[in-house]
Amino acid sequence: VQPARILVLAALVRSSIAWSRVFPLSMGRPGVGFFMSTIDASLLVAATFWFAKTGTVTTVAFANLGIALLISLAWIWIARSLAVPRRHLPFAEAR
């Protein structure tokens, strides 16, 4: 039961950042979304294979949660770096 709870938490983390997968595409940078999805899938597969051999199901669940948190933080950083800085907006100069 404990690994299932951890996996549900990982799914909640992933779903809270799901909107960010479309953001690079709308900013004209579709390669960023593809790159991050590839990294995410590669990390999940590698961690699952590695920890399935050496650890328990709970270890695999914690690895999944850690990767979800890492990818979510990376998506937040990407979203902030792709956003237009406030000083470049036309109405910012009028103030």
N, C-alpha and C. Protein backbone atom coordinates (compact mmCIF):
# COMPACT_ATOMS: atom_id res chain seq x y z
N VAL A 1 0.83 -1.19 0.00
CA VAL A 1 0.00 0.00 0.00
C VAL A 1 0.87 1.26 0.00
N GLN A 2 1.99 1.23 0.72
CA GLN A 2 2.86 2.41 0.79
C GLN A 2 3.41 2.82 -0.57
N PRO A 3 3.92 1.90 -1.41
CA PRO A 3 4.41 2.32 -2.73
C PRO A 3 3.32 2.95 -3.60
N ALA A 4 2.10 2.46 -3.47
CA ALA A 4 1.00 3.03 -4.25
C ALA A 4 0.73 4.47 -3.83
N ARG A 5 0.82 4.75 -2.55
CA ARG A 5 0.64 6.12 -2.07
C ARG A 5 1.73 7.04 -2.60
N ILE A 6 2.95 6.55 -2.64
CA ILE A 6 4.06 7.35 -3.15
C ILE A 6 3.89 7.61 -4.64
N LEU A 7 3.44 6.60 -5.38
CA LEU A 7 3.20 6.78 -6.81
C LEU A 7 2.05 7.75 -7.09
N VAL A 8 1.04 7.75 -6.24
CA VAL A 8 -0.05 8.72 -6.39
C VAL A 8 0.49 10.13 -6.15
N LEU A 9 1.36 10.29 -5.17
CA LEU A 9 1.97 11.60 -4.93
C LEU A 9 2.80 12.04 -6.14
N ALA A 10 3.55 11.11 -6.73
CA ALA A 10 4.33 11.43 -7.93
C ALA A 10 3.41 11.83 -9.08
N ALA A 11 2.27 11.15 -9.21
CA ALA A 11 1.31 11.50 -10.26
C ALA A 11 0.72 12.89 -10.02
N LEU A 12 0.48 13.24 -8.78
CA LEU A 12 -0.03 14.59 -8.47
C LEU A 12 1.00 15.66 -8.83
N VAL A 13 2.27 15.38 -8.55
CA VAL A 13 3.33 16.33 -8.91
C VAL A 13 3.37 16.50 -10.42
N ARG A 14 3.32 15.39 -11.15
CA ARG A 14 3.36 15.46 -12.61
C ARG A 14 2.14 16.18 -13.18
N SER A 15 0.98 15.93 -12.63
CA SER A 15 -0.22 16.58 -13.17
C SER A 15 -0.28 18.07 -12.84
N SER A 16 0.37 18.49 -11.79
CA SER A 16 0.37 19.92 -11.46
C SER A 16 1.24 20.72 -12.43
N ILE A 17 2.15 20.06 -13.12
CA ILE A 17 3.05 20.73 -14.06
C ILE A 17 2.70 20.35 -15.50
N ALA A 18 1.63 19.63 -15.73
CA ALA A 18 1.29 19.16 -17.08
C ALA A 18 1.10 20.31 -18.07
N TRP A 19 0.62 21.45 -17.62
CA TRP A 19 0.41 22.59 -18.52
C TRP A 19 1.72 23.07 -19.14
N SER A 20 2.83 22.86 -18.46
CA SER A 20 4.10 23.42 -18.92
C SER A 20 4.63 22.69 -20.15
N ARG A 21 4.13 21.52 -20.46
CA ARG A 21 4.61 20.80 -21.64
C ARG A 21 4.17 21.49 -22.93
N VAL A 22 3.13 22.29 -22.89
CA VAL A 22 2.65 23.00 -24.07
C VAL A 22 3.29 24.39 -24.16
N PHE A 23 3.79 24.90 -23.07
CA PHE A 23 4.32 26.26 -23.03
C PHE A 23 5.47 26.50 -24.01
N PRO A 24 6.50 25.64 -24.09
CA PRO A 24 7.57 25.90 -25.08
C PRO A 24 7.06 25.89 -26.52
N LEU A 25 6.06 25.06 -26.81
CA LEU A 25 5.49 25.03 -28.16
C LEU A 25 4.82 26.36 -28.49
N SER A 26 4.12 26.93 -27.54
CA SER A 26 3.45 28.21 -27.78
C SER A 26 4.45 29.36 -27.89
N MET A 27 5.64 29.18 -27.35
CA MET A 27 6.67 30.22 -27.43
C MET A 27 7.59 30.01 -28.64
N GLY A 28 7.26 29.04 -29.49
CA GLY A 28 8.05 28.80 -30.68
C GLY A 28 9.29 27.96 -30.46
N ARG A 29 9.32 27.18 -29.38
CA ARG A 29 10.49 26.34 -29.06
C ARG A 29 10.04 24.88 -28.86
N PRO A 30 9.53 24.22 -29.91
CA PRO A 30 9.02 22.85 -29.72
C PRO A 30 10.09 21.85 -29.34
N GLY A 31 11.34 22.10 -29.67
CA GLY A 31 12.41 21.18 -29.32
C GLY A 31 12.63 21.05 -27.83
N VAL A 32 12.32 22.11 -27.09
CA VAL A 32 12.48 22.08 -25.63
C VAL A 32 11.54 21.06 -25.01
N GLY A 33 10.29 21.07 -25.46
CA GLY A 33 9.33 20.10 -24.93
C GLY A 33 9.70 18.67 -25.25
N PHE A 34 10.15 18.44 -26.48
CA PHE A 34 10.58 17.10 -26.87
C PHE A 34 11.80 16.66 -26.07
N PHE A 35 12.75 17.55 -25.88
CA PHE A 35 13.96 17.24 -25.12
C PHE A 35 13.61 16.87 -23.68
N MET A 36 12.77 17.67 -23.03
CA MET A 36 12.42 17.40 -21.64
C MET A 36 11.62 16.11 -21.50
N SER A 37 10.73 15.84 -22.45
CA SER A 37 9.96 14.58 -22.40
C SER A 37 10.88 13.38 -22.58
N THR A 38 11.88 13.52 -23.44
CA THR A 38 12.84 12.45 -23.65
C THR A 38 13.67 12.20 -22.39
N ILE A 39 14.13 13.28 -21.76
CA ILE A 39 14.89 13.15 -20.52
C ILE A 39 14.04 12.51 -19.42
N ASP A 40 12.80 12.94 -19.31
CA ASP A 40 11.89 12.41 -18.30
C ASP A 40 11.69 10.91 -18.50
N ALA A 41 11.37 10.50 -19.71
CA ALA A 41 11.13 9.07 -19.98
C ALA A 41 12.41 8.25 -19.77
N SER A 42 13.54 8.78 -20.20
CA SER A 42 14.81 8.06 -20.04
C SER A 42 15.14 7.85 -18.56
N LEU A 43 14.98 8.90 -17.77
CA LEU A 43 15.25 8.79 -16.33
C LEU A 43 14.32 7.79 -15.66
N LEU A 44 13.04 7.83 -16.03
CA LEU A 44 12.08 6.91 -15.42
C LEU A 44 12.40 5.45 -15.76
N VAL A 45 12.70 5.20 -17.02
CA VAL A 45 13.01 3.82 -17.41
C VAL A 45 14.30 3.35 -16.75
N ALA A 46 15.33 4.18 -16.77
CA ALA A 46 16.61 3.79 -16.18
C ALA A 46 16.47 3.56 -14.67
N ALA A 47 15.79 4.47 -13.98
CA ALA A 47 15.64 4.32 -12.53
C ALA A 47 14.79 3.10 -12.19
N THR A 48 13.76 2.85 -12.97
CA THR A 48 12.91 1.68 -12.71
C THR A 48 13.70 0.39 -12.89
N PHE A 49 14.47 0.29 -13.98
CA PHE A 49 15.28 -0.92 -14.18
C PHE A 49 16.33 -1.07 -13.09
N TRP A 50 17.00 0.03 -12.76
CA TRP A 50 18.08 -0.04 -11.76
C TRP A 50 17.56 -0.44 -10.38
N PHE A 51 16.52 0.28 -9.92
CA PHE A 51 16.03 0.02 -8.58
C PHE A 51 15.19 -1.24 -8.49
N ALA A 52 14.64 -1.70 -9.59
CA ALA A 52 13.90 -2.96 -9.57
C ALA A 52 14.85 -4.12 -9.34
N LYS A 53 16.09 -4.00 -9.84
CA LYS A 53 17.09 -5.06 -9.62
C LYS A 53 17.67 -5.01 -8.22
N THR A 54 17.94 -3.80 -7.73
CA THR A 54 18.69 -3.67 -6.49
C THR A 54 17.85 -3.35 -5.26
N GLY A 55 16.66 -2.85 -5.45
CA GLY A 55 15.89 -2.40 -4.30
C GLY A 55 14.52 -3.05 -4.20
N THR A 56 13.66 -2.37 -3.48
CA THR A 56 12.30 -2.84 -3.29
C THR A 56 11.34 -1.99 -4.12
N VAL A 57 10.08 -2.34 -4.06
CA VAL A 57 9.06 -1.58 -4.77
C VAL A 57 8.96 -0.17 -4.21
N THR A 58 9.14 -0.03 -2.91
CA THR A 58 9.13 1.30 -2.30
C THR A 58 10.27 2.16 -2.82
N THR A 59 11.41 1.57 -3.04
CA THR A 59 12.55 2.31 -3.59
C THR A 59 12.25 2.79 -5.00
N VAL A 60 11.62 1.96 -5.81
CA VAL A 60 11.22 2.36 -7.16
C VAL A 60 10.22 3.51 -7.09
N ALA A 61 9.29 3.44 -6.16
CA ALA A 61 8.30 4.50 -6.02
C ALA A 61 8.95 5.81 -5.61
N PHE A 62 9.90 5.75 -4.67
CA PHE A 62 10.61 6.97 -4.27
C PHE A 62 11.46 7.53 -5.41
N ALA A 63 12.04 6.67 -6.22
CA ALA A 63 12.79 7.13 -7.39
C ALA A 63 11.87 7.84 -8.37
N ASN A 64 10.68 7.29 -8.57
CA ASN A 64 9.70 7.91 -9.45
C ASN A 64 9.29 9.28 -8.91
N LEU A 65 9.07 9.38 -7.62
CA LEU A 65 8.72 10.66 -7.01
C LEU A 65 9.85 11.67 -7.14
N GLY A 66 11.08 11.24 -6.91
CA GLY A 66 12.23 12.13 -7.05
C GLY A 66 12.39 12.65 -8.46
N ILE A 67 12.21 11.78 -9.45
CA ILE A 67 12.31 12.21 -10.84
C ILE A 67 11.17 13.17 -11.19
N ALA A 68 9.98 12.90 -10.68
CA ALA A 68 8.85 13.80 -10.92
C ALA A 68 9.14 15.19 -10.35
N LEU A 69 9.70 15.24 -9.15
CA LEU A 69 10.04 16.53 -8.55
C LEU A 69 11.14 17.24 -9.33
N LEU A 70 12.15 16.50 -9.75
CA LEU A 70 13.25 17.08 -10.53
C LEU A 70 12.76 17.64 -11.87
N ILE A 71 11.96 16.88 -12.57
CA ILE A 71 11.45 17.33 -13.87
C ILE A 71 10.50 18.51 -13.68
N SER A 72 9.71 18.50 -12.62
CA SER A 72 8.81 19.62 -12.36
C SER A 72 9.58 20.91 -12.09
N LEU A 73 10.64 20.81 -11.30
CA LEU A 73 11.47 21.99 -11.06
C LEU A 73 12.14 22.47 -12.34
N ALA A 74 12.56 21.54 -13.18
CA ALA A 74 13.16 21.92 -14.46
C ALA A 74 12.13 22.61 -15.36
N TRP A 75 10.89 22.14 -15.37
CA TRP A 75 9.86 22.78 -16.18
C TRP A 75 9.55 24.18 -15.66
N ILE A 76 9.54 24.36 -14.36
CA ILE A 76 9.30 25.70 -13.80
C ILE A 76 10.43 26.63 -14.20
N TRP A 77 11.67 26.15 -14.15
CA TRP A 77 12.81 26.97 -14.56
C TRP A 77 12.72 27.32 -16.04
N ILE A 78 12.34 26.35 -16.88
CA ILE A 78 12.20 26.61 -18.31
C ILE A 78 11.09 27.62 -18.57
N ALA A 79 9.96 27.47 -17.89
CA ALA A 79 8.86 28.41 -18.08
C ALA A 79 9.26 29.82 -17.69
N ARG A 80 10.01 29.95 -16.63
CA ARG A 80 10.47 31.29 -16.21
C ARG A 80 11.48 31.86 -17.20
N SER A 81 12.33 31.02 -17.77
CA SER A 81 13.34 31.53 -18.70
C SER A 81 12.75 31.85 -20.07
N LEU A 82 11.66 31.19 -20.45
CA LEU A 82 11.02 31.49 -21.73
C LEU A 82 10.06 32.66 -21.66
N ALA A 83 9.62 33.00 -20.47
CA ALA A 83 8.68 34.10 -20.32
C ALA A 83 9.35 35.43 -20.68
N VAL A 84 8.57 36.34 -21.19
CA VAL A 84 9.09 37.65 -21.57
C VAL A 84 9.36 38.46 -20.31
N PRO A 85 10.57 39.00 -20.16
CA PRO A 85 10.84 39.85 -19.00
C PRO A 85 9.94 41.08 -18.99
N ARG A 86 9.58 41.52 -17.83
CA ARG A 86 8.65 42.64 -17.69
C ARG A 86 9.18 43.93 -18.28
N ARG A 87 10.46 44.15 -18.26
CA ARG A 87 11.00 45.42 -18.75
C ARG A 87 10.89 45.55 -20.27
N HIS A 88 10.62 44.43 -20.97
CA HIS A 88 10.51 44.47 -22.42
C HIS A 88 9.08 44.64 -22.91
N LEU A 89 8.12 44.66 -22.01
CA LEU A 89 6.73 44.86 -22.41
C LEU A 89 6.50 46.33 -22.77
N PRO A 90 5.66 46.60 -23.78
CA PRO A 90 5.47 47.99 -24.22
C PRO A 90 4.90 48.91 -23.14
N PHE A 91 4.00 48.42 -22.31
CA PHE A 91 3.39 49.29 -21.31
C PHE A 91 4.29 49.51 -20.11
N ALA A 92 5.38 48.78 -19.98
CA ALA A 92 6.27 48.95 -18.83
C ALA A 92 7.03 50.28 -18.94
N GLU A 93 7.28 50.77 -20.15
CA GLU A 93 8.00 52.01 -20.32
C GLU A 93 7.16 53.24 -20.00
N ALA A 94 5.85 53.11 -20.07
CA ALA A 94 4.98 54.25 -19.83
C ALA A 94 4.90 54.62 -18.35
N ARG A 95 5.30 53.76 -17.49
CA ARG A 95 5.18 54.03 -16.05
C ARG A 95 6.26 54.89 -15.53
